[in-house]
Amino acid sequence: MTGDTTTFFAWEAGARIAVRNLGGEIVIEANAAGLKTLASHLLTLSRDGTPDGAHLHLEENNGLEEGSASLVLERCDDE
């Protein structure tokens, strides 16, 4: 994550998340713990004081299941 604030991204135990690029669609597949983890990440990015441009990279074997497409969660306050 970028910015001057320290942010902690929590992971639920047993979280499994996969991202599939099916051409015209991106599919996020996750178990219940994975969905809670993604929701927590998004809530973390939405907190007051989180700077514009703050982001989190999720990649294969770095939060995502093997074979997943990379995913970036980013805060963008520009309209």
C-alpha atoms as a PDB file:
ATOM      1  CA  MET A   1       0.000   0.000   0.000  1.00  0.00           C
ATOM      2  CA  THR A   2       1.191   3.514  -0.724  1.00  0.00           C
ATOM      3  CA  GLY A   3       0.801   6.667   1.356  1.00  0.00           C
ATOM      4  CA  ASP A   4       2.037   8.038   4.650  1.00  0.00           C
ATOM      5  CA  THR A   5      -0.268   5.976   6.853  1.00  0.00           C
ATOM      6  CA  THR A   6       0.336   2.509   8.211  1.00  0.00           C
ATOM      7  CA  THR A   7      -2.455   0.161   7.259  1.00  0.00           C
ATOM      8  CA  PHE A   8      -2.951  -3.437   8.276  1.00  0.00           C
ATOM      9  CA  PHE A   9      -4.736  -5.810   5.929  1.00  0.00           C
ATOM     10  CA  ALA A  10      -6.166  -8.752   7.876  1.00  0.00           C
ATOM     11  CA  TRP A  11      -6.660 -12.214   6.395  1.00  0.00           C
ATOM     12  CA  GLU A  12      -9.315 -14.638   7.603  1.00  0.00           C
ATOM     13  CA  ALA A  13      -8.000 -18.108   8.443  1.00  0.00           C
ATOM     14  CA  GLY A  14      -8.483 -20.489   5.535  1.00  0.00           C
ATOM     15  CA  ALA A  15      -9.204 -17.730   3.011  1.00  0.00           C
ATOM     16  CA  ARG A  16      -9.111 -18.901  -0.605  1.00  0.00           C
ATOM     17  CA  ILE A  17      -9.431 -16.347  -3.405  1.00  0.00           C
ATOM     18  CA  ALA A  18      -9.022 -16.887  -7.147  1.00  0.00           C
ATOM     19  CA  VAL A  19      -9.323 -14.329  -9.946  1.00  0.00           C
ATOM     20  CA  ARG A  20     -10.128 -15.549 -13.450  1.00  0.00           C
ATOM     21  CA  ASN A  21      -9.926 -13.450 -16.607  1.00  0.00           C
ATOM     22  CA  LEU A  22     -12.504 -14.916 -18.981  1.00  0.00           C
ATOM     23  CA  GLY A  23     -11.950 -12.398 -21.772  1.00  0.00           C
ATOM     24  CA  GLY A  24     -14.895 -10.038 -21.384  1.00  0.00           C
ATOM     25  CA  GLU A  25     -15.430 -10.893 -17.722  1.00  0.00           C
ATOM     26  CA  ILE A  26     -13.358 -10.980 -14.556  1.00  0.00           C
ATOM     27  CA  VAL A  27     -14.574 -13.581 -12.073  1.00  0.00           C
ATOM     28  CA  ILE A  28     -13.576 -13.516  -8.411  1.00  0.00           C
ATOM     29  CA  GLU A  29     -14.102 -16.908  -6.799  1.00  0.00           C
ATOM     30  CA  ALA A  30     -13.732 -17.192  -3.033  1.00  0.00           C
ATOM     31  CA  ASN A  31     -14.841 -19.259  -0.095  1.00  0.00           C
ATOM     32  CA  ALA A  32     -16.624 -17.537   2.801  1.00  0.00           C
ATOM     33  CA  ALA A  33     -13.326 -16.653   4.509  1.00  0.00           C
ATOM     34  CA  GLY A  34     -11.999 -15.267   1.230  1.00  0.00           C
ATOM     35  CA  LEU A  35     -15.070 -13.093   0.718  1.00  0.00           C
ATOM     36  CA  LYS A  36     -14.744 -11.750   4.271  1.00  0.00           C
ATOM     37  CA  THR A  37     -11.069 -11.037   3.598  1.00  0.00           C
ATOM     38  CA  LEU A  38     -11.845  -9.080   0.405  1.00  0.00           C
ATOM     39  CA  ALA A  39     -14.591  -7.146   2.210  1.00  0.00           C
ATOM     40  CA  SER A  40     -12.151  -6.297   5.004  1.00  0.00           C
ATOM     41  CA  HIS A  41      -9.537  -5.110   2.493  1.00  0.00           C
ATOM     42  CA  LEU A  42     -12.082  -2.849   0.799  1.00  0.00           C
ATOM     43  CA  LEU A  43     -13.261  -1.446   4.134  1.00  0.00           C
ATOM     44  CA  THR A  44      -9.646  -0.789   5.105  1.00  0.00           C
ATOM     45  CA  LEU A  45      -9.100   1.199   1.900  1.00  0.00           C
ATOM     46  CA  SER A  46     -12.334   3.150   2.504  1.00  0.00           C
ATOM     47  CA  ARG A  47     -11.356   4.408   5.980  1.00  0.00           C
ATOM     48  CA  ASP A  48     -11.097   8.125   6.638  1.00  0.00           C
ATOM     49  CA  GLY A  49      -7.504   9.244   6.365  1.00  0.00           C
ATOM     50  CA  THR A  50      -6.568   6.642   3.771  1.00  0.00           C
ATOM     51  CA  PRO A  51      -4.877   8.592   0.981  1.00  0.00           C
ATOM     52  CA  ASP A  52      -6.027   8.705  -2.626  1.00  0.00           C
ATOM     53  CA  GLY A  53      -4.039   6.151  -4.583  1.00  0.00           C
ATOM     54  CA  ALA A  54      -3.583   3.750  -1.656  1.00  0.00           C
ATOM     55  CA  HIS A  55      -3.654   0.224  -3.034  1.00  0.00           C
ATOM     56  CA  LEU A  56      -3.056  -3.450  -2.418  1.00  0.00           C
ATOM     57  CA  HIS A  57      -1.634  -5.926  -4.955  1.00  0.00           C
ATOM     58  CA  LEU A  58      -2.968  -9.472  -4.862  1.00  0.00           C
ATOM     59  CA  GLU A  59      -1.187 -11.995  -7.059  1.00  0.00           C
ATOM     60  CA  GLU A  60      -0.839 -15.715  -7.581  1.00  0.00           C
ATOM     61  CA  ASN A  61       0.800 -17.183  -4.464  1.00  0.00           C
ATOM     62  CA  ASN A  62       0.619 -13.745  -2.786  1.00  0.00           C
ATOM     63  CA  GLY A  63      -2.945 -13.880  -1.526  1.00  0.00           C
ATOM     64  CA  LEU A  64      -4.503 -15.529  -4.574  1.00  0.00           C
ATOM     65  CA  GLU A  65      -4.768 -19.149  -5.628  1.00  0.00           C
ATOM     66  CA  GLU A  66      -2.425 -20.651  -8.214  1.00  0.00           C
ATOM     67  CA  GLY A  67      -3.434 -19.760 -11.779  1.00  0.00           C
ATOM     68  CA  SER A  68      -5.115 -16.503 -10.721  1.00  0.00           C
ATOM     69  CA  ALA A  69      -4.880 -13.255 -12.647  1.00  0.00           C
ATOM     70  CA  SER A  70      -3.385 -10.380 -10.646  1.00  0.00           C
ATOM     71  CA  LEU A  71      -5.780  -8.012  -8.878  1.00  0.00           C
ATOM     72  CA  VAL A  72      -5.146  -4.500  -7.576  1.00  0.00           C
ATOM     73  CA  LEU A  73      -7.549  -2.913  -5.082  1.00  0.00           C
ATOM     74  CA  GLU A  74      -7.040   0.865  -5.228  1.00  0.00           C
ATOM     75  CA  ARG A  75      -8.649   3.881  -3.649  1.00  0.00           C
ATOM     76  CA  CYS A  76      -9.432   6.616  -6.183  1.00  0.00           C
ATOM     77  CA  ASP A  77     -11.184   9.722  -4.878  1.00  0.00           C
ATOM     78  CA  ASP A  78     -11.127  11.564  -8.215  1.00  0.00           C
ATOM     79  CA  GLU A  79     -14.594  11.934  -9.680  1.00  0.00           C
END
